[in-house]
Amino acid sequence: MRIALIGYGKMGKMIEQIALDRGHEIVSVIDIDNQEDFDSDAFASADVAIEFTNPTAAYDNYLRAFAKGVKVVSGSTGWMKDHGDDVKRLCGEGGNTLFWASNFSIGVAIFSAVNRYLAKIMNGFAQYDVRMEETHHIHKLDHPSGTAITLAECIISEIDRKKQWCLGNLTQPDGTTLTEHVPAQDELAIDSIRRDEVPGIHSITYDSPADKITITHDAHSRQGFALGAVLAAEFTKEHSGLLTISDMFKF
C-alpha cells in the first residue's frame, strides 16, 4: 500500500517505521515546511494519507487530501465542533473517505467496549456517581483529551442520569490544580492532569457510599497508537465514507 504522512513529529516517525515494517511504501511526507507537496504527483499517488497534526491544521489537511482523491486516516482532535458537519457531508454526498478516531490503540478500543458495557449496567444503579480522569504529557495542547470525550459521550448515551460532560479539575505541569467547573448532578466531570511525558492514562470511576469501581487504560508508549493507525489505513484502503474504530473492530 502507498501511504502519505501528514505530520512528521514523534507519532509520524513511529507510524513510518511500523508501516515500512509491515511492507508498505511511504510515497510522501508532508510537514509544516513543505505544504506545497500536497500538490505533488507523489502525494496524489497515495492510497491513504495518515494525518497526525493539530486541531487548527487538521480540517484544512482533510480538504487538501480530498481534493487529490486521497483517503485520510486521522488522529487529530479538536476540529469536530467547528467542522464536524462539513466533514460528514464531504464523506457522504461528497464521496470522500475519512477514518477518524480520537485514539487508535487496540487496547483503547477494547477499553471503550468495556466502558460501554459497564455504563449499561450502571444505568440501573443510581447510587453510583461517575467521574473520569485523563493524564497526558505536558506538550498536549487540548484538554480534556479527545479519547476522554469519546468515552464520556459513550457513558452519557447509556446512563440516563447524566446529560452532558463538563470540565472538572485541571492539574497543570507545575502541580497546581484549578477547578474549572463544579459539576451539576446530571453532568459527568472530566478531570485533566498534564504531567511529565505520560503517553495517556484514562480512568473511569463509579463511586457509591458503599464502594468504588474503577477501570483504567494506561498506555506504556505511543507504539500502540501508531500500530492502530497503520491498521486503520489498511482497513481504509478497502472501505469508504466516514469510518471509525467501531467499523474496524466489531466488539
Protein backbone atom coordinates (compact mmCIF):
# COMPACT_ATOMS: atom_id res chain seq x y z
CA MET A 1 0.00 0.00 0.00
CA ARG A 2 1.18 3.53 -0.78
CA ILE A 3 0.99 5.79 2.27
CA ALA A 4 1.44 9.54 2.62
CA LEU A 5 2.24 11.01 6.02
CA ILE A 6 0.83 14.38 7.06
CA GLY A 7 2.71 15.50 10.15
CA TYR A 8 6.19 14.22 10.88
CA GLY A 9 6.62 14.56 14.63
CA LYS A 10 7.20 11.71 17.04
CA MET A 11 3.97 9.99 16.03
CA GLY A 12 4.58 10.43 12.31
CA LYS A 13 8.05 8.91 12.56
CA MET A 14 6.75 5.95 14.57
CA ILE A 15 3.95 5.36 12.06
CA GLU A 16 6.51 5.48 9.25
CA GLN A 17 8.63 2.75 10.83
CA ILE A 18 5.68 0.47 11.55
CA ALA A 19 4.28 0.96 8.04
CA LEU A 20 7.65 0.06 6.49
CA ASP A 21 7.95 -2.98 8.76
CA ARG A 22 4.54 -4.15 7.52
CA GLY A 23 5.67 -3.88 3.90
CA HIS A 24 4.06 -0.59 2.92
CA GLU A 25 5.63 2.25 0.91
CA ILE A 26 5.86 5.84 2.12
CA VAL A 27 5.37 7.94 -1.02
CA SER A 28 5.12 11.41 0.53
CA VAL A 29 5.91 13.08 3.85
CA ILE A 30 4.32 16.49 4.44
CA ASP A 31 5.19 18.68 7.40
CA ILE A 32 4.89 22.36 8.20
CA ASP A 33 7.82 23.35 5.97
CA ASN A 34 6.73 21.65 2.70
CA GLN A 35 2.99 22.27 2.40
CA GLU A 36 3.35 22.65 -1.37
CA ASP A 37 3.81 18.88 -1.59
CA PHE A 38 0.05 18.47 -1.24
CA ASP A 39 0.02 19.38 -4.95
CA SER A 40 2.69 16.82 -5.91
CA ASP A 41 2.14 13.73 -8.01
CA ALA A 42 3.72 11.68 -5.22
CA PHE A 43 1.05 12.72 -2.72
CA ALA A 44 -1.74 12.12 -5.23
CA SER A 45 -0.44 8.58 -5.78
CA ALA A 46 -1.10 7.59 -2.15
CA ASP A 47 -3.80 5.06 -1.38
CA VAL A 48 -4.20 6.57 2.09
CA ALA A 49 -2.77 9.57 3.95
CA ILE A 50 -2.22 9.23 7.70
CA GLU A 51 -2.67 12.60 9.41
CA PHE A 52 -1.47 13.46 12.92
CA THR A 53 -1.11 17.23 13.30
CA ASN A 54 -3.11 19.63 15.49
CA PRO A 55 -6.70 20.91 15.79
CA THR A 56 -6.03 24.09 13.79
CA ALA A 57 -4.48 22.31 10.80
CA ALA A 58 -6.44 19.06 10.58
CA TYR A 59 -9.54 20.24 8.71
CA ASP A 60 -7.56 22.04 6.00
CA ASN A 61 -5.39 18.94 5.64
CA TYR A 62 -8.50 16.86 5.02
CA LEU A 63 -9.69 19.28 2.34
CA ARG A 64 -6.34 19.25 0.55
CA ALA A 65 -6.18 15.44 0.60
CA PHE A 66 -9.78 15.09 -0.59
CA ALA A 67 -9.04 17.49 -3.45
CA LYS A 68 -6.45 14.97 -4.68
CA GLY A 69 -8.75 11.98 -4.22
CA VAL A 70 -6.69 10.63 -1.31
CA LYS A 71 -8.37 8.82 1.57
CA VAL A 72 -7.40 10.02 5.06
CA VAL A 73 -6.80 8.35 8.41
CA SER A 74 -6.61 10.97 11.17
CA GLY A 75 -5.99 11.04 14.89
CA SER A 76 -6.12 14.81 15.23
CA THR A 77 -8.68 16.09 17.74
CA GLY A 78 -10.40 19.38 18.46
CA TRP A 79 -11.76 20.11 14.96
CA MET A 80 -15.14 18.40 15.19
CA LYS A 81 -17.09 21.19 16.92
CA ASP A 82 -16.45 23.68 14.10
CA HIS A 83 -16.14 21.34 11.11
CA GLY A 84 -17.85 18.06 12.02
CA ASP A 85 -21.00 18.67 9.95
CA ASP A 86 -18.98 19.69 6.90
CA VAL A 87 -16.75 16.60 7.14
CA LYS A 88 -19.85 14.37 7.37
CA ARG A 89 -21.18 15.99 4.22
CA LEU A 90 -17.86 15.64 2.42
CA CYS A 91 -17.72 11.94 3.30
CA GLY A 92 -21.37 11.39 2.48
CA GLU A 93 -22.63 13.12 -0.64
CA GLY A 94 -19.09 14.32 -1.38
CA GLY A 95 -17.81 10.76 -1.79
CA ASN A 96 -14.62 11.26 0.25
CA THR A 97 -13.22 8.94 2.90
CA LEU A 98 -12.03 9.78 6.42
CA PHE A 99 -11.23 7.24 9.13
CA TRP A 100 -11.19 9.31 12.31
CA ALA A 101 -10.50 8.17 15.86
CA SER A 102 -9.56 10.05 18.99
CA ASN A 103 -7.34 7.07 19.83
CA PHE A 104 -6.13 4.26 17.56
CA SER A 105 -4.84 1.97 20.31
CA ILE A 106 -6.24 -1.57 20.12
CA GLY A 107 -6.24 -1.57 23.92
CA VAL A 108 -8.33 1.60 23.99
CA ALA A 109 -10.79 0.03 21.53
CA ILE A 110 -11.22 -2.89 23.94
CA PHE A 111 -11.39 -0.48 26.90
CA SER A 112 -14.11 1.51 25.11
CA ALA A 113 -16.20 -1.64 24.68
CA VAL A 114 -15.81 -2.43 28.39
CA ASN A 115 -16.71 1.18 29.21
CA ARG A 116 -19.93 0.97 27.22
CA TYR A 117 -20.93 -2.34 28.79
CA LEU A 118 -20.22 -1.11 32.31
CA ALA A 119 -22.22 2.07 31.69
CA LYS A 120 -25.20 -0.02 30.55
CA ILE A 121 -25.05 -1.93 33.84
CA MET A 122 -24.61 1.22 35.92
CA ASN A 123 -27.68 2.83 34.39
CA GLY A 124 -29.66 0.66 36.79
CA PHE A 125 -27.70 1.60 39.92
CA ALA A 126 -28.33 5.26 40.71
CA GLN A 127 -26.29 5.14 43.93
CA TYR A 128 -23.10 5.20 41.85
CA ASP A 129 -21.88 8.56 40.61
CA VAL A 130 -19.37 8.55 37.76
CA ARG A 131 -16.33 10.72 37.15
CA MET A 132 -13.41 10.48 34.73
CA GLU A 133 -9.71 11.40 34.87
CA GLU A 134 -7.26 11.64 32.00
CA THR A 135 -3.49 12.18 32.28
CA HIS A 136 -1.21 13.19 29.40
CA HIS A 137 2.22 14.66 28.75
CA ILE A 138 2.86 18.36 29.24
CA HIS A 139 3.06 19.02 25.46
CA LYS A 140 -0.61 18.17 24.84
CA LEU A 141 -2.40 21.40 24.00
CA ASP A 142 -6.06 20.47 24.43
CA HIS A 143 -7.99 19.21 27.43
CA PRO A 144 -9.82 17.07 28.07
CA SER A 145 -8.33 14.60 25.63
CA GLY A 146 -10.31 13.51 22.58
CA THR A 147 -10.30 9.97 23.95
CA ALA A 148 -11.82 11.16 27.24
CA ILE A 149 -14.56 13.00 25.38
CA THR A 150 -15.34 9.92 23.29
CA LEU A 151 -15.50 7.75 26.42
CA ALA A 152 -17.67 10.33 28.19
CA GLU A 153 -20.11 10.60 25.30
CA CYS A 154 -20.46 6.82 25.35
CA ILE A 155 -21.27 6.87 29.08
CA ILE A 156 -23.82 9.66 28.59
CA SER A 157 -25.53 7.68 25.84
CA GLU A 158 -26.05 4.76 28.25
CA ILE A 159 -26.70 6.43 31.64
CA ASP A 160 -29.99 8.33 31.79
CA ARG A 161 -28.99 10.41 34.85
CA LYS A 162 -26.08 12.04 33.01
CA LYS A 163 -26.95 14.60 30.33
CA GLN A 164 -23.55 16.05 29.35
CA TRP A 165 -19.86 16.03 30.19
CA CYS A 166 -18.07 19.01 31.65
CA LEU A 167 -14.58 20.14 32.60
CA GLY A 168 -13.64 19.21 36.15
CA ASN A 169 -10.22 19.88 37.67
CA LEU A 170 -7.09 20.73 35.67
CA THR A 171 -3.74 19.85 37.24
CA GLN A 172 -1.05 21.79 35.39
CA PRO A 173 2.58 20.76 34.75
CA ASP A 174 3.74 22.79 37.77
CA GLY A 175 1.43 20.78 40.03
CA THR A 176 -1.16 23.49 40.66
CA THR A 177 -4.80 22.44 40.31
CA LEU A 178 -7.61 24.62 39.00
CA THR A 179 -11.28 23.78 39.45
CA GLU A 180 -12.71 24.79 36.09
CA HIS A 181 -16.27 23.76 36.85
CA VAL A 182 -18.23 22.25 39.72
CA PRO A 183 -20.39 19.59 38.06
CA ALA A 184 -24.14 19.53 38.44
CA GLN A 185 -25.75 16.23 39.37
CA ASP A 186 -26.56 15.43 35.74
CA GLU A 187 -23.05 16.26 34.48
CA LEU A 188 -20.09 13.90 34.04
CA ALA A 189 -16.91 15.68 35.13
CA ILE A 190 -13.63 15.01 33.33
CA ASP A 191 -10.50 15.87 35.33
CA SER A 192 -7.30 16.50 33.36
CA ILE A 193 -3.69 16.14 34.51
CA ARG A 194 -0.67 17.30 32.50
CA ARG A 195 2.46 15.59 33.80
CA ASP A 196 5.92 14.60 32.50
CA GLU A 197 5.89 12.55 29.27
CA VAL A 198 2.85 10.37 30.02
CA PRO A 199 1.51 8.86 26.74
CA GLY A 200 -2.02 8.61 28.10
CA ILE A 201 -3.96 7.28 31.09
CA HIS A 202 -7.77 7.21 31.24
CA SER A 203 -9.67 6.16 34.35
CA ILE A 204 -13.43 5.96 34.89
CA THR A 205 -14.68 5.70 38.47
CA TYR A 206 -18.10 4.77 39.79
CA ASP A 207 -18.34 5.75 43.45
CA SER A 208 -21.10 4.95 45.96
CA PRO A 209 -21.38 5.23 49.74
CA ALA A 210 -20.58 1.51 49.95
CA ASP A 211 -17.78 1.02 47.44
CA LYS A 212 -15.96 2.22 44.36
CA ILE A 213 -15.33 0.64 40.95
CA THR A 214 -12.56 1.94 38.66
CA ILE A 215 -11.48 0.86 35.19
CA THR A 216 -8.23 2.21 33.71
CA HIS A 217 -6.33 2.12 30.45
CA ASP A 218 -2.64 3.03 30.83
CA ALA A 219 -0.59 3.38 27.65
CA HIS A 220 3.07 2.40 28.08
CA SER A 221 4.14 4.19 24.87
CA ARG A 222 2.81 5.70 21.66
CA GLN A 223 3.58 2.48 19.77
CA GLY A 224 0.06 1.12 20.25
CA PHE A 225 -1.40 4.29 18.76
CA ALA A 226 0.93 4.12 15.77
CA LEU A 227 0.22 0.46 15.04
CA GLY A 228 -3.51 1.11 15.25
CA ALA A 229 -3.21 3.98 12.77
CA VAL A 230 -1.47 1.72 10.24
CA LEU A 231 -4.10 -1.00 10.75
CA ALA A 232 -6.75 1.67 10.17
CA ALA A 233 -5.02 2.69 6.93
CA GLU A 234 -5.07 -0.93 5.75
CA PHE A 235 -8.78 -1.05 6.55
CA THR A 236 -9.49 2.31 4.91
CA LYS A 237 -7.88 1.31 1.62
CA GLU A 238 -10.72 -1.18 1.15
CA HIS A 239 -13.59 0.91 2.56
CA SER A 240 -15.13 4.33 2.05
CA GLY A 241 -17.15 7.03 3.78
CA LEU A 242 -16.80 8.32 7.34
CA LEU A 243 -15.21 5.45 9.26
CA THR A 244 -14.47 4.86 12.94
CA ILE A 245 -12.86 2.27 15.20
CA SER A 246 -16.25 0.58 15.63
CA ASP A 247 -16.25 -0.17 11.89
CA MET A 248 -12.89 -1.92 12.13
CA PHE A 249 -13.42 -3.74 15.44
CA LYS A 250 -16.84 -5.36 15.88
CA PHE A 251 -16.97 -5.73 19.67
